[in-house]
Amino acid sequence: MTETALPARHIGDFRAGVIAILPLVVAVIPFALILGANGVARGLSVSEVVLMSALVFAGSSQFLAIDLWTHPAPALSLGATALLINLRHVLMGASLSGKLDRFSSGGRLLAVFFMADEIWALAERRALDRPLTPAFYAGLAVPLYLNWVLLTGLGAALGGLVDDPAAFGFDFAFTAVFIGLVAGFWKGRQSLAVAAASAAGAIAVHALVEGAWFVIAGALAGVTVAALTAGPDKVEARP
């Protein structure tokens, strides 16, 4: 491979990542603005809202933290609740770990930091067709991250610009994207069994236990069924 071909490949992978994440970059706009506005309403400064988005980069945790925010902030309660909501990242990281063989040690750490739900799902979808490269992952992460940080700051600076995202259908945007991604993972009856187990586990736990445990329960149920129904050759082939 020539010296000019290598950068061209990286640019192509980065561009493909940007194109893949672009619908979600647009969909997240009203939520970022609302988060910023709510943060200021709760007593945070614009710089504090921006710093939270830059360091945490987890919309659900940030919304919850701002909802629970008081002065002084209940640090232990906020930390425990955010940990519960984000426990799914342990499973996401385990799922993605075997697909990061082209990443350096530092690159793996960066990948974990930027591993939002949408980025993880699109990276997994990409890995079905071809090796996951740092350039493609960066194409996913950079636009979504910058968009989130800048727009939460803008929302904090300008106040509430969008009172109800559901009125414009924005609340369904993420659901629609993930439905499309699930369809792309379809591999026949085994996929149906995994999806059914995940749904059943999540619904049952949601009905019985308060909090975000249903997310973890659905993921564990799906992983368990996938492991039990995979053939021996597929199990041995896993990294």
C-alpha atoms as a PDB file:
ATOM      1  CA  MET A   1       0.000   0.000   0.000  1.00  0.00           C
ATOM      2  CA  THR A   2       1.379   3.388  -0.944  1.00  0.00           C
ATOM      3  CA  GLU A   3       1.796   6.290   1.438  1.00  0.00           C
ATOM      4  CA  THR A   4      -1.014   8.190  -0.297  1.00  0.00           C
ATOM      5  CA  ALA A   5      -3.450   5.254  -0.245  1.00  0.00           C
ATOM      6  CA  LEU A   6      -3.362   4.875   3.544  1.00  0.00           C
ATOM      7  CA  PRO A   7      -4.575   8.408   4.361  1.00  0.00           C
ATOM      8  CA  ALA A   8      -7.212   8.108   1.624  1.00  0.00           C
ATOM      9  CA  ARG A   9      -8.569   4.968   3.284  1.00  0.00           C
ATOM     10  CA  HIS A  10      -8.667   6.696   6.657  1.00  0.00           C
ATOM     11  CA  ILE A  11     -10.495   9.673   5.165  1.00  0.00           C
ATOM     12  CA  GLY A  12     -13.003   7.357   3.524  1.00  0.00           C
ATOM     13  CA  ASP A  13     -13.643   5.495   6.787  1.00  0.00           C
ATOM     14  CA  PHE A  14     -14.009   8.750   8.708  1.00  0.00           C
ATOM     15  CA  ARG A  15     -16.458  10.082   6.118  1.00  0.00           C
ATOM     16  CA  ALA A  16     -18.483   6.860   6.310  1.00  0.00           C
ATOM     17  CA  GLY A  17     -18.732   7.249  10.083  1.00  0.00           C
ATOM     18  CA  VAL A  18     -19.894  10.851   9.768  1.00  0.00           C
ATOM     19  CA  ILE A  19     -22.571   9.886   7.255  1.00  0.00           C
ATOM     20  CA  ALA A  20     -23.775   7.027   9.475  1.00  0.00           C
ATOM     21  CA  ILE A  21     -24.117   9.201  12.602  1.00  0.00           C
ATOM     22  CA  LEU A  22     -25.562  12.284  10.854  1.00  0.00           C
ATOM     23  CA  PRO A  23     -29.276  11.452  11.433  1.00  0.00           C
ATOM     24  CA  LEU A  24     -28.609  11.126  15.144  1.00  0.00           C
ATOM     25  CA  VAL A  25     -26.597  14.327  15.209  1.00  0.00           C
ATOM     26  CA  VAL A  26     -29.727  16.093  13.937  1.00  0.00           C
ATOM     27  CA  ALA A  27     -32.109  14.179  16.221  1.00  0.00           C
ATOM     28  CA  VAL A  28     -30.179  15.095  19.364  1.00  0.00           C
ATOM     29  CA  ILE A  29     -30.425  18.868  18.789  1.00  0.00           C
ATOM     30  CA  PRO A  30     -33.651  19.604  20.751  1.00  0.00           C
ATOM     31  CA  PHE A  31     -32.626  17.365  23.636  1.00  0.00           C
ATOM     32  CA  ALA A  32     -29.244  19.061  23.954  1.00  0.00           C
ATOM     33  CA  LEU A  33     -30.895  22.486  23.974  1.00  0.00           C
ATOM     34  CA  ILE A  34     -33.410  21.407  26.616  1.00  0.00           C
ATOM     35  CA  LEU A  35     -30.714  19.852  28.793  1.00  0.00           C
ATOM     36  CA  GLY A  36     -28.715  23.067  28.720  1.00  0.00           C
ATOM     37  CA  ALA A  37     -31.736  25.198  29.530  1.00  0.00           C
ATOM     38  CA  ASN A  38     -32.767  22.909  32.398  1.00  0.00           C
ATOM     39  CA  GLY A  39     -29.254  22.975  33.794  1.00  0.00           C
ATOM     40  CA  VAL A  40     -29.259  26.761  34.042  1.00  0.00           C
ATOM     41  CA  ALA A  41     -32.758  26.702  35.524  1.00  0.00           C
ATOM     42  CA  ARG A  42     -31.419  24.399  38.255  1.00  0.00           C
ATOM     43  CA  GLY A  43     -28.660  26.841  39.131  1.00  0.00           C
ATOM     44  CA  LEU A  44     -25.737  25.653  36.998  1.00  0.00           C
ATOM     45  CA  SER A  45     -23.702  28.150  35.002  1.00  0.00           C
ATOM     46  CA  VAL A  46     -23.228  27.871  31.254  1.00  0.00           C
ATOM     47  CA  SER A  47     -19.622  26.768  31.761  1.00  0.00           C
ATOM     48  CA  GLU A  48     -20.707  24.097  34.255  1.00  0.00           C
ATOM     49  CA  VAL A  49     -23.265  22.721  31.795  1.00  0.00           C
ATOM     50  CA  VAL A  50     -20.629  22.579  29.051  1.00  0.00           C
ATOM     51  CA  LEU A  51     -18.130  20.918  31.397  1.00  0.00           C
ATOM     52  CA  MET A  52     -20.708  18.316  32.414  1.00  0.00           C
ATOM     53  CA  SER A  53     -21.418  17.453  28.781  1.00  0.00           C
ATOM     54  CA  ALA A  54     -17.725  17.334  27.904  1.00  0.00           C
ATOM     55  CA  LEU A  55     -16.776  15.049  30.808  1.00  0.00           C
ATOM     56  CA  VAL A  56     -19.876  12.872  31.138  1.00  0.00           C
ATOM     57  CA  PHE A  57     -21.220  12.683  27.565  1.00  0.00           C
ATOM     58  CA  ALA A  58     -24.234  10.596  28.617  1.00  0.00           C
ATOM     59  CA  GLY A  59     -27.578  12.218  27.970  1.00  0.00           C
ATOM     60  CA  SER A  60     -29.754  10.024  30.195  1.00  0.00           C
ATOM     61  CA  SER A  61     -27.412  10.406  33.163  1.00  0.00           C
ATOM     62  CA  GLN A  62     -27.164  14.153  32.661  1.00  0.00           C
ATOM     63  CA  PHE A  63     -30.926  14.621  32.465  1.00  0.00           C
ATOM     64  CA  LEU A  64     -31.363  12.627  35.651  1.00  0.00           C
ATOM     65  CA  ALA A  65     -28.551  14.452  37.440  1.00  0.00           C
ATOM     66  CA  ILE A  66     -30.048  17.827  36.590  1.00  0.00           C
ATOM     67  CA  ASP A  67     -33.492  16.633  37.653  1.00  0.00           C
ATOM     68  CA  LEU A  68     -32.088  15.636  41.069  1.00  0.00           C
ATOM     69  CA  TRP A  69     -29.801  18.652  41.374  1.00  0.00           C
ATOM     70  CA  THR A  70     -30.027  20.703  44.557  1.00  0.00           C
ATOM     71  CA  HIS A  71     -27.652  22.993  46.466  1.00  0.00           C
ATOM     72  CA  PRO A  72     -25.592  21.378  47.813  1.00  0.00           C
ATOM     73  CA  ALA A  73     -25.725  18.571  45.268  1.00  0.00           C
ATOM     74  CA  PRO A  74     -26.425  15.055  46.663  1.00  0.00           C
ATOM     75  CA  ALA A  75     -23.160  13.594  45.377  1.00  0.00           C
ATOM     76  CA  LEU A  76     -23.641  10.018  46.596  1.00  0.00           C
ATOM     77  CA  SER A  77     -27.209   9.781  45.322  1.00  0.00           C
ATOM     78  CA  LEU A  78     -26.307  11.285  41.963  1.00  0.00           C
ATOM     79  CA  GLY A  79     -23.302   8.998  41.573  1.00  0.00           C
ATOM     80  CA  ALA A  80     -25.188   5.826  42.478  1.00  0.00           C
ATOM     81  CA  THR A  81     -28.091   6.638  40.168  1.00  0.00           C
ATOM     82  CA  ALA A  82     -25.813   7.496  37.256  1.00  0.00           C
ATOM     83  CA  LEU A  83     -23.870   4.261  37.849  1.00  0.00           C
ATOM     84  CA  LEU A  84     -27.075   2.234  37.708  1.00  0.00           C
ATOM     85  CA  ILE A  85     -28.216   3.859  34.474  1.00  0.00           C
ATOM     86  CA  ASN A  86     -24.828   3.388  32.840  1.00  0.00           C
ATOM     87  CA  LEU A  87     -24.224  -0.223  33.891  1.00  0.00           C
ATOM     88  CA  ARG A  88     -25.263  -1.198  30.375  1.00  0.00           C
ATOM     89  CA  HIS A  89     -21.946   0.232  29.193  1.00  0.00           C
ATOM     90  CA  VAL A  90     -20.188  -2.730  30.814  1.00  0.00           C
ATOM     91  CA  LEU A  91     -22.058  -5.081  28.494  1.00  0.00           C
ATOM     92  CA  MET A  92     -21.601  -2.751  25.533  1.00  0.00           C
ATOM     93  CA  GLY A  93     -17.868  -2.582  26.169  1.00  0.00           C
ATOM     94  CA  ALA A  94     -17.608  -6.353  26.469  1.00  0.00           C
ATOM     95  CA  SER A  95     -19.489  -6.744  23.196  1.00  0.00           C
ATOM     96  CA  LEU A  96     -17.262  -4.275  21.377  1.00  0.00           C
ATOM     97  CA  SER A  97     -13.924  -5.316  22.874  1.00  0.00           C
ATOM     98  CA  GLY A  98     -13.279  -8.137  20.413  1.00  0.00           C
ATOM     99  CA  LYS A  99     -13.759  -5.786  17.471  1.00  0.00           C
ATOM    100  CA  LEU A 100     -11.085  -3.250  18.471  1.00  0.00           C
ATOM    101  CA  ASP A 101      -8.037  -5.216  17.313  1.00  0.00           C
ATOM    102  CA  ARG A 102      -7.032  -2.334  15.023  1.00  0.00           C
ATOM    103  CA  PHE A 103      -7.038   0.125  17.929  1.00  0.00           C
ATOM    104  CA  SER A 104      -3.988   0.971  20.022  1.00  0.00           C
ATOM    105  CA  SER A 105      -4.205   0.843  23.819  1.00  0.00           C
ATOM    106  CA  GLY A 106      -4.814   4.574  23.926  1.00  0.00           C
ATOM    107  CA  GLY A 107      -7.320   4.289  21.116  1.00  0.00           C
ATOM    108  CA  ARG A 108      -9.280   1.688  23.064  1.00  0.00           C
ATOM    109  CA  LEU A 109      -9.486   4.011  26.053  1.00  0.00           C
ATOM    110  CA  LEU A 110     -10.754   6.826  23.850  1.00  0.00           C
ATOM    111  CA  ALA A 111     -13.276   4.483  22.260  1.00  0.00           C
ATOM    112  CA  VAL A 112     -14.632   3.607  25.707  1.00  0.00           C
ATOM    113  CA  PHE A 113     -14.944   7.271  26.668  1.00  0.00           C
ATOM    114  CA  PHE A 114     -16.964   8.090  23.535  1.00  0.00           C
ATOM    115  CA  MET A 115     -19.071   4.902  23.671  1.00  0.00           C
ATOM    116  CA  ALA A 116     -22.567   6.375  23.717  1.00  0.00           C
ATOM    117  CA  ASP A 117     -25.458   4.056  22.875  1.00  0.00           C
ATOM    118  CA  GLU A 118     -25.730   5.310  19.316  1.00  0.00           C
ATOM    119  CA  ILE A 119     -22.003   5.091  18.661  1.00  0.00           C
ATOM    120  CA  TRP A 120     -21.847   1.568  20.057  1.00  0.00           C
ATOM    121  CA  ALA A 121     -24.771   0.373  17.944  1.00  0.00           C
ATOM    122  CA  LEU A 122     -23.414   1.843  14.713  1.00  0.00           C
ATOM    123  CA  ALA A 123     -19.936   0.472  15.446  1.00  0.00           C
ATOM    124  CA  GLU A 124     -21.398  -3.002  16.008  1.00  0.00           C
ATOM    125  CA  ARG A 125     -23.363  -2.729  12.777  1.00  0.00           C
ATOM    126  CA  ARG A 126     -20.228  -1.729  10.874  1.00  0.00           C
ATOM    127  CA  ALA A 127     -18.306  -4.673  12.354  1.00  0.00           C
ATOM    128  CA  LEU A 128     -20.790  -7.089  10.780  1.00  0.00           C
ATOM    129  CA  ASP A 129     -19.582  -6.138   7.299  1.00  0.00           C
ATOM    130  CA  ARG A 130     -15.931  -5.187   7.697  1.00  0.00           C
ATOM    131  CA  PRO A 131     -13.256  -4.567  10.361  1.00  0.00           C
ATOM    132  CA  LEU A 132     -13.968  -1.653  12.662  1.00  0.00           C
ATOM    133  CA  THR A 133     -11.290   1.011  12.219  1.00  0.00           C
ATOM    134  CA  PRO A 134     -10.316   3.932  14.461  1.00  0.00           C
ATOM    135  CA  ALA A 135     -11.095   6.322  11.579  1.00  0.00           C
ATOM    136  CA  PHE A 136     -14.674   5.078  11.235  1.00  0.00           C
ATOM    137  CA  TYR A 137     -15.181   5.184  15.003  1.00  0.00           C
ATOM    138  CA  ALA A 138     -13.837   8.737  15.081  1.00  0.00           C
ATOM    139  CA  GLY A 139     -16.282   9.639  12.320  1.00  0.00           C
ATOM    140  CA  LEU A 140     -19.076   8.462  14.596  1.00  0.00           C
ATOM    141  CA  ALA A 141     -17.784  10.016  17.800  1.00  0.00           C
ATOM    142  CA  VAL A 142     -16.476  13.440  16.823  1.00  0.00           C
ATOM    143  CA  PRO A 143     -19.671  14.910  15.275  1.00  0.00           C
ATOM    144  CA  LEU A 144     -21.978  13.564  17.983  1.00  0.00           C
ATOM    145  CA  TYR A 145     -19.689  14.639  20.813  1.00  0.00           C
ATOM    146  CA  LEU A 146     -19.055  18.155  19.509  1.00  0.00           C
ATOM    147  CA  ASN A 147     -22.714  18.608  18.655  1.00  0.00           C
ATOM    148  CA  TRP A 148     -23.781  17.555  22.152  1.00  0.00           C
ATOM    149  CA  VAL A 149     -21.268  19.730  23.988  1.00  0.00           C
ATOM    150  CA  LEU A 150     -21.837  22.840  21.869  1.00  0.00           C
ATOM    151  CA  LEU A 151     -25.629  22.615  21.821  1.00  0.00           C
ATOM    152  CA  THR A 152     -26.029  21.957  25.526  1.00  0.00           C
ATOM    153  CA  GLY A 153     -23.940  25.090  26.003  1.00  0.00           C
ATOM    154  CA  LEU A 154     -26.138  26.973  23.536  1.00  0.00           C
ATOM    155  CA  GLY A 155     -29.265  25.791  25.320  1.00  0.00           C
ATOM    156  CA  ALA A 156     -27.817  26.984  28.618  1.00  0.00           C
ATOM    157  CA  ALA A 157     -26.970  30.370  27.112  1.00  0.00           C
ATOM    158  CA  LEU A 158     -30.288  30.963  25.352  1.00  0.00           C
ATOM    159  CA  GLY A 159     -32.749  29.224  27.662  1.00  0.00           C
ATOM    160  CA  GLY A 160     -35.565  26.832  26.709  1.00  0.00           C
ATOM    161  CA  LEU A 161     -36.001  26.886  22.949  1.00  0.00           C
ATOM    162  CA  VAL A 162     -37.917  23.635  22.511  1.00  0.00           C
ATOM    163  CA  ASP A 163     -40.422  22.951  25.273  1.00  0.00           C
ATOM    164  CA  ASP A 164     -41.680  19.593  24.005  1.00  0.00           C
ATOM    165  CA  PRO A 165     -39.599  17.516  21.553  1.00  0.00           C
ATOM    166  CA  ALA A 166     -42.438  14.988  21.329  1.00  0.00           C
ATOM    167  CA  ALA A 167     -44.608  17.594  19.620  1.00  0.00           C
ATOM    168  CA  PHE A 168     -42.200  17.492  16.679  1.00  0.00           C
ATOM    169  CA  GLY A 169     -41.612  13.751  16.747  1.00  0.00           C
ATOM    170  CA  PHE A 170     -38.023  14.098  17.951  1.00  0.00           C
ATOM    171  CA  ASP A 171     -38.677  11.726  20.853  1.00  0.00           C
ATOM    172  CA  PHE A 172     -39.189   8.875  18.377  1.00  0.00           C
ATOM    173  CA  ALA A 173     -36.069   9.604  16.331  1.00  0.00           C
ATOM    174  CA  PHE A 174     -33.746   7.456  18.453  1.00  0.00           C
ATOM    175  CA  THR A 175     -36.287   4.630  18.604  1.00  0.00           C
ATOM    176  CA  ALA A 176     -36.636   4.644  14.833  1.00  0.00           C
ATOM    177  CA  VAL A 177     -32.876   4.546  14.325  1.00  0.00           C
ATOM    178  CA  PHE A 178     -32.454   1.620  16.704  1.00  0.00           C
ATOM    179  CA  ILE A 179     -35.300  -0.295  15.058  1.00  0.00           C
ATOM    180  CA  GLY A 180     -33.392   0.040  11.790  1.00  0.00           C
ATOM    181  CA  LEU A 181     -30.179  -1.105  13.438  1.00  0.00           C
ATOM    182  CA  VAL A 182     -31.859  -4.151  14.985  1.00  0.00           C
ATOM    183  CA  ALA A 183     -33.218  -5.079  11.561  1.00  0.00           C
ATOM    184  CA  GLY A 184     -29.657  -4.933  10.234  1.00  0.00           C
ATOM    185  CA  PHE A 185     -28.530  -7.437  12.891  1.00  0.00           C
ATOM    186  CA  TRP A 186     -31.201  -9.957  11.873  1.00  0.00           C
ATOM    187  CA  LYS A 187     -29.811 -13.448  11.246  1.00  0.00           C
ATOM    188  CA  GLY A 188     -32.927 -15.625  11.326  1.00  0.00           C
ATOM    189  CA  ARG A 189     -34.509 -17.618  14.153  1.00  0.00           C
ATOM    190  CA  GLN A 190     -31.614 -17.139  16.531  1.00  0.00           C
ATOM    191  CA  SER A 191     -32.040 -13.369  16.267  1.00  0.00           C
ATOM    192  CA  LEU A 192     -35.758 -13.706  17.000  1.00  0.00           C
ATOM    193  CA  ALA A 193     -35.035 -15.743  20.130  1.00  0.00           C
ATOM    194  CA  VAL A 194     -32.488 -13.189  21.359  1.00  0.00           C
ATOM    195  CA  ALA A 195     -34.815 -10.244  20.714  1.00  0.00           C
ATOM    196  CA  ALA A 196     -37.748 -11.997  22.388  1.00  0.00           C
ATOM    197  CA  ALA A 197     -35.682 -12.889  25.465  1.00  0.00           C
ATOM    198  CA  SER A 198     -34.374  -9.336  25.762  1.00  0.00           C
ATOM    199  CA  ALA A 199     -37.871  -7.875  25.473  1.00  0.00           C
ATOM    200  CA  ALA A 200     -39.358 -10.348  27.958  1.00  0.00           C
ATOM    201  CA  GLY A 201     -36.593  -9.781  30.495  1.00  0.00           C
ATOM    202  CA  ALA A 202     -36.800  -6.000  30.237  1.00  0.00           C
ATOM    203  CA  ILE A 203     -40.606  -5.922  30.472  1.00  0.00           C
ATOM    204  CA  ALA A 204     -40.711  -8.267  33.463  1.00  0.00           C
ATOM    205  CA  VAL A 205     -38.094  -6.371  35.450  1.00  0.00           C
ATOM    206  CA  HIS A 206     -39.596  -2.992  34.515  1.00  0.00           C
ATOM    207  CA  ALA A 207     -42.921  -4.160  35.943  1.00  0.00           C
ATOM    208  CA  LEU A 208     -41.399  -5.465  39.178  1.00  0.00           C
ATOM    209  CA  VAL A 209     -38.405  -3.264  39.969  1.00  0.00           C
ATOM    210  CA  GLU A 210     -38.111   0.526  39.980  1.00  0.00           C
ATOM    211  CA  GLY A 211     -35.223   2.247  38.268  1.00  0.00           C
ATOM    212  CA  ALA A 212     -33.176   1.391  35.202  1.00  0.00           C
ATOM    213  CA  TRP A 213     -32.558  -2.275  36.087  1.00  0.00           C
ATOM    214  CA  PHE A 214     -34.766  -3.335  33.185  1.00  0.00           C
ATOM    215  CA  VAL A 215     -32.058  -2.170  30.766  1.00  0.00           C
ATOM    216  CA  ILE A 216     -29.504  -4.499  32.327  1.00  0.00           C
ATOM    217  CA  ALA A 217     -32.032  -7.335  32.636  1.00  0.00           C
ATOM    218  CA  GLY A 218     -32.972  -7.156  28.959  1.00  0.00           C
ATOM    219  CA  ALA A 219     -29.343  -7.115  27.883  1.00  0.00           C
ATOM    220  CA  LEU A 220     -28.393 -10.058  30.118  1.00  0.00           C
ATOM    221  CA  ALA A 221     -31.381 -12.095  28.930  1.00  0.00           C
ATOM    222  CA  GLY A 222     -30.442 -11.511  25.307  1.00  0.00           C
ATOM    223  CA  VAL A 223     -26.779 -12.332  25.871  1.00  0.00           C
ATOM    224  CA  THR A 224     -27.704 -15.532  27.724  1.00  0.00           C
ATOM    225  CA  VAL A 225     -29.991 -16.759  24.952  1.00  0.00           C
ATOM    226  CA  ALA A 226     -27.401 -15.861  22.311  1.00  0.00           C
ATOM    227  CA  ALA A 227     -24.765 -17.906  24.159  1.00  0.00           C
ATOM    228  CA  LEU A 228     -27.092 -20.878  24.630  1.00  0.00           C
ATOM    229  CA  THR A 229     -28.309 -20.987  21.032  1.00  0.00           C
ATOM    230  CA  ALA A 230     -24.968 -20.397  19.304  1.00  0.00           C
ATOM    231  CA  GLY A 231     -23.378 -23.429  17.706  1.00  0.00           C
ATOM    232  CA  PRO A 232     -20.051 -24.761  19.049  1.00  0.00           C
ATOM    233  CA  ASP A 233     -18.205 -23.475  15.992  1.00  0.00           C
ATOM    234  CA  LYS A 234     -19.524 -19.972  16.534  1.00  0.00           C
ATOM    235  CA  VAL A 235     -18.659 -20.031  20.202  1.00  0.00           C
ATOM    236  CA  GLU A 236     -15.091 -21.106  19.492  1.00  0.00           C
ATOM    237  CA  ALA A 237     -14.729 -18.423  16.843  1.00  0.00           C
ATOM    238  CA  ARG A 238     -15.522 -15.616  19.256  1.00  0.00           C
ATOM    239  CA  PRO A 239     -12.530 -13.544  20.384  1.00  0.00           C
END
